[in-house]
Amino acid sequence: MANPSLPAESGEPERSEPPALTWRGVRLNVVLFLATVVSLFWTGMPSEETHPGWLAGWPYAVPLLGILLAHEFGHYFAARYHGVPASLPYFLPLPKLGFGTLGAVIAMRDRIRSREALLDVGASGPIAGMLVAVPVLFWGIAHSPVLISVPPYEQEGQSLIYFLIKWLVHGPIPPGADVHLHPTAFAGWVGLFLTMINLLPFGQLDGGHVAYALFGERHNRFGPWVRWATLPLLAINLVRFVGPELGHPSKLGIATAVGNSLFWLVWFVVLGVLERFSGKGHPPCEPGELSRTRKAIGWLCVALFIGLFMPTPMALVE
């Protein structure tokens, strides 16, 4: 994920050569990366006692690290190509919670002035990450059995691309059954999920960069509504999960139903924090038309976001 860039003084030329890397300048990046490696191996460690070592988490950790590295260095090399001063990725470990990581950010000291550079930097991460995530997911789904789902079970979010990959590998899945994910398949799914979040067309997320490159100042008019659009998604999930509990309580209870519904409320808050610290509008870039190829790449990212969108990213159901 590209970090919000700081606006530079008007008229100041964009640096043509990023600063050289030194150990002192990158040691925090290295420490955070190593902590993330440990966190992912630990998170992916099987719970069975026959696999006591944390290195047994490699079927989850290694492919997810590959997806994250491809995504972040897609941004990094695109920034260096355009002479945009960007840091190495700062990976964010989250041991034994969620997916074991919050992803990563890249810091940019100046705003990206060129419209073409903005599109390249914003689009390169999601596209590079997907080039790794899709084959990882195909391999993982091929090694995941289709079984009857025994309640209660965790249901990962469904998207058009995810559903298509499952159908291509296993064909139509019988009612009451689903693909029970191999750790590598789950790593691929996490890659799809993180790409979907990064492609939200808001602020200075990857999707915000792409949207501003495509639409210019018009994006600043509709971009803030992306945050408010999370509230109808919250309402839809409350109706889906909490509504039935009010009429016919299940063994899972109202607390689980509420927990299943809160993802988009969390992101309403997160996007508000991002808006507070990076501003309501995207920093301006120099005028100029995108090439036909770059417009196609931008619209590919829009289509990718639609194909990856998950109304309910994760839920405990019965």
Foldseek 3Di string as FASTA:
>chain_A
DEDQEDADDPPDDQALAADDDDCVQCVQQVVQVVQLLLQQLQQQQDPDPVGPDSVNSCLQRVLLVVLLVQLQVLLVVLCNVRRFHKDRWRWAADHNPDNRTPRTYIYTHHAAAALLSLLSNLLRRLVRSLVSLVVLLLVFLLVWDKDQDDPFDKDFFDFQVNVVSNCVRPNDRDPRIDTDTDSSNVSSLVSLVVSLVQLQCAAPRSVVSLVCSQPPPVCLVCRVVSLVVLVVLLVVQCCVQQVVCVVPNDPVGNVQSNVQRCPSVVVSVVSVVVCVVNHSGYDHHDDDDDDPVSNVSSVVSVVSSNRSDGSGRMGGHD
